[in-house]
Amino acid sequence: MNNQIVKLHKISYSTLVDTKLIFKETLDHLASGIILVHNHPSGNLRPSEADKS
């Protein structure tokens, strides 16, 4: 499968994410790449200071 999303997986519903979980999911599915995203539930599109750091 070239350049296709194989699986969508939510890792965390909080602000903290264990990077080991991200890599485990990636390796378990033999993925050659990953796309990481996060959202702002408030709807504010400007990055917060925490986003910038």
PDB file of N, CA and C in Angstrom:
ATOM      1  N   MET A   1       0.839  -1.185   0.000  1.00  0.00           N
ATOM      2  CA  MET A   1       0.000   0.000   0.000  1.00  0.00           C
ATOM      3  C   MET A   1       0.881   1.244   0.000  1.00  0.00           C
ATOM      4  N   ASN A   2       0.970   1.909  -1.078  1.00  0.00           N
ATOM      5  CA  ASN A   2       1.813   3.089  -1.182  1.00  0.00           C
ATOM      6  C   ASN A   2       1.044   4.347  -0.847  1.00  0.00           C
ATOM      7  N   ASN A   3       1.593   5.105   0.090  1.00  0.00           N
ATOM      8  CA  ASN A   3       1.042   6.406   0.473  1.00  0.00           C
ATOM      9  C   ASN A   3      -0.436   6.347   0.819  1.00  0.00           C
ATOM     10  N   GLN A   4      -0.830   5.335   1.539  1.00  0.00           N
ATOM     11  CA  GLN A   4      -2.217   5.216   1.985  1.00  0.00           C
ATOM     12  C   GLN A   4      -2.235   5.091   3.502  1.00  0.00           C
ATOM     13  N   ILE A   5      -3.272   5.653   4.100  1.00  0.00           N
ATOM     14  CA  ILE A   5      -3.442   5.511   5.542  1.00  0.00           C
ATOM     15  C   ILE A   5      -3.893   4.088   5.819  1.00  0.00           C
ATOM     16  N   VAL A   6      -3.138   3.391   6.646  1.00  0.00           N
ATOM     17  CA  VAL A   6      -3.431   2.001   6.970  1.00  0.00           C
ATOM     18  C   VAL A   6      -4.401   1.920   8.137  1.00  0.00           C
ATOM     19  N   LYS A   7      -4.205   2.787   9.135  1.00  0.00           N
ATOM     20  CA  LYS A   7      -5.039   2.732  10.324  1.00  0.00           C
ATOM     21  C   LYS A   7      -5.038   4.077  11.024  1.00  0.00           C
ATOM     22  N   LEU A   8      -6.185   4.473  11.549  1.00  0.00           N
ATOM     23  CA  LEU A   8      -6.295   5.641  12.419  1.00  0.00           C
ATOM     24  C   LEU A   8      -6.351   5.124  13.844  1.00  0.00           C
ATOM     25  N   HIS A   9      -5.579   5.742  14.723  1.00  0.00           N
ATOM     26  CA  HIS A   9      -5.549   5.263  16.096  1.00  0.00           C
ATOM     27  C   HIS A   9      -5.376   6.435  17.044  1.00  0.00           C
ATOM     28  N   LYS A  10      -6.292   6.590  17.991  1.00  0.00           N
ATOM     29  CA  LYS A  10      -6.150   7.628  19.013  1.00  0.00           C
ATOM     30  C   LYS A  10      -5.286   7.072  20.127  1.00  0.00           C
ATOM     31  N   ILE A  11      -4.249   7.802  20.459  1.00  0.00           N
ATOM     32  CA  ILE A  11      -3.323   7.373  21.498  1.00  0.00           C
ATOM     33  C   ILE A  11      -3.725   7.948  22.857  1.00  0.00           C
ATOM     34  N   SER A  12      -4.174   9.196  22.874  1.00  0.00           N
ATOM     35  CA  SER A  12      -4.447   9.847  24.152  1.00  0.00           C
ATOM     36  C   SER A  12      -5.572  10.860  24.014  1.00  0.00           C
ATOM     37  N   TYR A  13      -6.324  11.002  25.093  1.00  0.00           N
ATOM     38  CA  TYR A  13      -7.347  12.045  25.165  1.00  0.00           C
ATOM     39  C   TYR A  13      -6.895  13.175  26.067  1.00  0.00           C
ATOM     40  N   SER A  14      -5.697  13.078  26.596  1.00  0.00           N
ATOM     41  CA  SER A  14      -5.175  14.110  27.484  1.00  0.00           C
ATOM     42  C   SER A  14      -4.015  14.825  26.798  1.00  0.00           C
ATOM     43  N   THR A  15      -3.381  15.694  27.533  1.00  0.00           N
ATOM     44  CA  THR A  15      -2.278  16.458  26.946  1.00  0.00           C
ATOM     45  C   THR A  15      -0.962  15.688  26.965  1.00  0.00           C
ATOM     46  N   LEU A  16      -0.890  14.636  27.759  1.00  0.00           N
ATOM     47  CA  LEU A  16       0.347  13.867  27.850  1.00  0.00           C
ATOM     48  C   LEU A  16       0.239  12.589  27.033  1.00  0.00           C
ATOM     49  N   VAL A  17       1.286  12.312  26.290  1.00  0.00           N
ATOM     50  CA  VAL A  17       1.311  11.114  25.458  1.00  0.00           C
ATOM     51  C   VAL A  17       2.610  10.372  25.710  1.00  0.00           C
ATOM     52  N   ASP A  18       2.513   9.073  25.894  1.00  0.00           N
ATOM     53  CA  ASP A  18       3.705   8.250  26.055  1.00  0.00           C
ATOM     54  C   ASP A  18       4.221   7.906  24.654  1.00  0.00           C
ATOM     55  N   THR A  19       5.378   8.413  24.306  1.00  0.00           N
ATOM     56  CA  THR A  19       5.908   8.205  22.955  1.00  0.00           C
ATOM     57  C   THR A  19       6.150   6.726  22.662  1.00  0.00           C
ATOM     58  N   LYS A  20       6.377   5.927  23.696  1.00  0.00           N
ATOM     59  CA  LYS A  20       6.544   4.482  23.475  1.00  0.00           C
ATOM     60  C   LYS A  20       5.285   3.885  22.851  1.00  0.00           C
ATOM     61  N   LEU A  21       4.115   4.370  23.248  1.00  0.00           N
ATOM     62  CA  LEU A  21       2.859   3.876  22.674  1.00  0.00           C
ATOM     63  C   LEU A  21       2.744   4.235  21.194  1.00  0.00           C
ATOM     64  N   ILE A  22       3.192   5.418  20.844  1.00  0.00           N
ATOM     65  CA  ILE A  22       3.150   5.840  19.443  1.00  0.00           C
ATOM     66  C   ILE A  22       4.039   4.927  18.599  1.00  0.00           C
ATOM     67  N   PHE A  23       5.258   4.712  19.057  1.00  0.00           N
ATOM     68  CA  PHE A  23       6.182   3.880  18.290  1.00  0.00           C
ATOM     69  C   PHE A  23       5.755   2.421  18.268  1.00  0.00           C
ATOM     70  N   LYS A  24       5.170   1.936  19.354  1.00  0.00           N
ATOM     71  CA  LYS A  24       4.694   0.555  19.381  1.00  0.00           C
ATOM     72  C   LYS A  24       3.614   0.344  18.326  1.00  0.00           C
ATOM     73  N   GLU A  25       2.640   1.248  18.260  1.00  0.00           N
ATOM     74  CA  GLU A  25       1.579   1.146  17.256  1.00  0.00           C
ATOM     75  C   GLU A  25       2.159   1.196  15.848  1.00  0.00           C
ATOM     76  N   THR A  26       3.114   2.088  15.654  1.00  0.00           N
ATOM     77  CA  THR A  26       3.752   2.222  14.342  1.00  0.00           C
ATOM     78  C   THR A  26       4.444   0.924  13.934  1.00  0.00           C
ATOM     79  N   LEU A  27       5.226   0.368  14.836  1.00  0.00           N
ATOM     80  CA  LEU A  27       5.961  -0.861  14.537  1.00  0.00           C
ATOM     81  C   LEU A  27       5.045  -2.072  14.414  1.00  0.00           C
ATOM     82  N   ASP A  28       3.996  -2.142  15.254  1.00  0.00           N
ATOM     83  CA  ASP A  28       3.053  -3.268  15.187  1.00  0.00           C
ATOM     84  C   ASP A  28       2.378  -3.371  13.824  1.00  0.00           C
ATOM     85  N   HIS A  29       2.206  -2.220  13.158  1.00  0.00           N
ATOM     86  CA  HIS A  29       1.538  -2.218  11.859  1.00  0.00           C
ATOM     87  C   HIS A  29       2.522  -2.108  10.691  1.00  0.00           C
ATOM     88  N   LEU A  30       3.820  -2.272  11.016  1.00  0.00           N
ATOM     89  CA  LEU A  30       4.871  -2.225   9.998  1.00  0.00           C
ATOM     90  C   LEU A  30       4.794  -0.962   9.139  1.00  0.00           C
ATOM     91  N   ALA A  31       4.431   0.132   9.775  1.00  0.00           N
ATOM     92  CA  ALA A  31       4.282   1.395   9.056  1.00  0.00           C
ATOM     93  C   ALA A  31       5.646   1.961   8.682  1.00  0.00           C
ATOM     94  N   SER A  32       5.732   2.552   7.519  1.00  0.00           N
ATOM     95  CA  SER A  32       6.966   3.195   7.101  1.00  0.00           C
ATOM     96  C   SER A  32       6.967   4.679   7.462  1.00  0.00           C
ATOM     97  N   GLY A  33       5.844   5.175   7.956  1.00  0.00           N
ATOM     98  CA  GLY A  33       5.741   6.567   8.368  1.00  0.00           C
ATOM     99  C   GLY A  33       4.541   6.767   9.257  1.00  0.00           C
ATOM    100  N   ILE A  34       4.499   7.901   9.936  1.00  0.00           N
ATOM    101  CA  ILE A  34       3.354   8.225  10.793  1.00  0.00           C
ATOM    102  C   ILE A  34       2.983   9.685  10.592  1.00  0.00           C
ATOM    103  N   ILE A  35       1.734   9.989  10.858  1.00  0.00           N
ATOM    104  CA  ILE A  35       1.235  11.365  10.844  1.00  0.00           C
ATOM    105  C   ILE A  35       0.701  11.635  12.241  1.00  0.00           C
ATOM    106  N   LEU A  36       1.233  12.634  12.904  1.00  0.00           N
ATOM    107  CA  LEU A  36       0.790  12.991  14.249  1.00  0.00           C
ATOM    108  C   LEU A  36       0.055  14.320  14.200  1.00  0.00           C
ATOM    109  N   VAL A  37      -1.102  14.382  14.839  1.00  0.00           N
ATOM    110  CA  VAL A  37      -1.883  15.616  14.883  1.00  0.00           C
ATOM    111  C   VAL A  37      -2.440  15.827  16.283  1.00  0.00           C
ATOM    112  N   HIS A  38      -2.825  17.040  16.551  1.00  0.00           N
ATOM    113  CA  HIS A  38      -3.570  17.335  17.773  1.00  0.00           C
ATOM    114  C   HIS A  38      -4.561  18.441  17.455  1.00  0.00           C
ATOM    115  N   ASN A  39      -5.560  18.557  18.299  1.00  0.00           N
ATOM    116  CA  ASN A  39      -6.566  19.584  18.045  1.00  0.00           C
ATOM    117  C   ASN A  39      -6.684  20.527  19.237  1.00  0.00           C
ATOM    118  N   HIS A  40      -7.447  21.559  19.035  1.00  0.00           N
ATOM    119  CA  HIS A  40      -7.757  22.526  20.075  1.00  0.00           C
ATOM    120  C   HIS A  40      -9.264  22.493  20.273  1.00  0.00           C
ATOM    121  N   PRO A  41      -9.740  21.793  21.294  1.00  0.00           N
ATOM    122  CA  PRO A  41     -11.191  21.683  21.499  1.00  0.00           C
ATOM    123  C   PRO A  41     -11.890  23.023  21.661  1.00  0.00           C
ATOM    124  N   SER A  42     -11.155  24.043  22.088  1.00  0.00           N
ATOM    125  CA  SER A  42     -11.760  25.366  22.262  1.00  0.00           C
ATOM    126  C   SER A  42     -12.110  26.004  20.926  1.00  0.00           C
ATOM    127  N   GLY A  43     -11.530  25.512  19.840  1.00  0.00           N
ATOM    128  CA  GLY A  43     -11.764  26.106  18.533  1.00  0.00           C
ATOM    129  C   GLY A  43     -10.795  27.234  18.210  1.00  0.00           C
ATOM    130  N   ASN A  44      -9.951  27.606  19.146  1.00  0.00           N
ATOM    131  CA  ASN A  44      -8.969  28.658  18.933  1.00  0.00           C
ATOM    132  C   ASN A  44      -7.870  28.125  18.024  1.00  0.00           C
ATOM    133  N   LEU A  45      -7.669  28.759  16.876  1.00  0.00           N
ATOM    134  CA  LEU A  45      -6.697  28.272  15.905  1.00  0.00           C
ATOM    135  C   LEU A  45      -5.275  28.767  16.154  1.00  0.00           C
ATOM    136  N   ARG A  46      -5.094  29.712  17.065  1.00  0.00           N
ATOM    137  CA  ARG A  46      -3.758  30.215  17.348  1.00  0.00           C
ATOM    138  C   ARG A  46      -3.025  29.257  18.276  1.00  0.00           C
ATOM    139  N   PRO A  47      -1.758  28.986  17.980  1.00  0.00           N
ATOM    140  CA  PRO A  47      -1.001  28.072  18.835  1.00  0.00           C
ATOM    141  C   PRO A  47      -0.783  28.683  20.221  1.00  0.00           C
ATOM    142  N   SER A  48      -0.937  27.862  21.232  1.00  0.00           N
ATOM    143  CA  SER A  48      -0.699  28.317  22.607  1.00  0.00           C
ATOM    144  C   SER A  48       0.802  28.351  22.861  1.00  0.00           C
ATOM    145  N   GLU A  49       1.190  28.902  23.985  1.00  0.00           N
ATOM    146  CA  GLU A  49       2.615  28.901  24.354  1.00  0.00           C
ATOM    147  C   GLU A  49       3.108  27.469  24.506  1.00  0.00           C
ATOM    148  N   ALA A  50       2.263  26.574  25.022  1.00  0.00           N
ATOM    149  CA  ALA A  50       2.660  25.166  25.176  1.00  0.00           C
ATOM    150  C   ALA A  50       2.881  24.544  23.792  1.00  0.00           C
ATOM    151  N   ASP A  51       2.055  24.897  22.801  1.00  0.00           N
ATOM    152  CA  ASP A  51       2.247  24.384  21.451  1.00  0.00           C
ATOM    153  C   ASP A  51       3.584  24.841  20.882  1.00  0.00           C
ATOM    154  N   LYS A  52       3.900  26.090  21.103  1.00  0.00           N
ATOM    155  CA  LYS A  52       5.138  26.651  20.560  1.00  0.00           C
ATOM    156  C   LYS A  52       6.370  26.022  21.193  1.00  0.00           C
ATOM    157  N   SER A  53       6.271  25.715  22.476  1.00  0.00           N
ATOM    158  CA  SER A  53       7.444  25.116  23.145  1.00  0.00           C
ATOM    159  C   SER A  53       7.495  23.630  22.865  1.00  0.00           C
TER     160      SER A  53
END
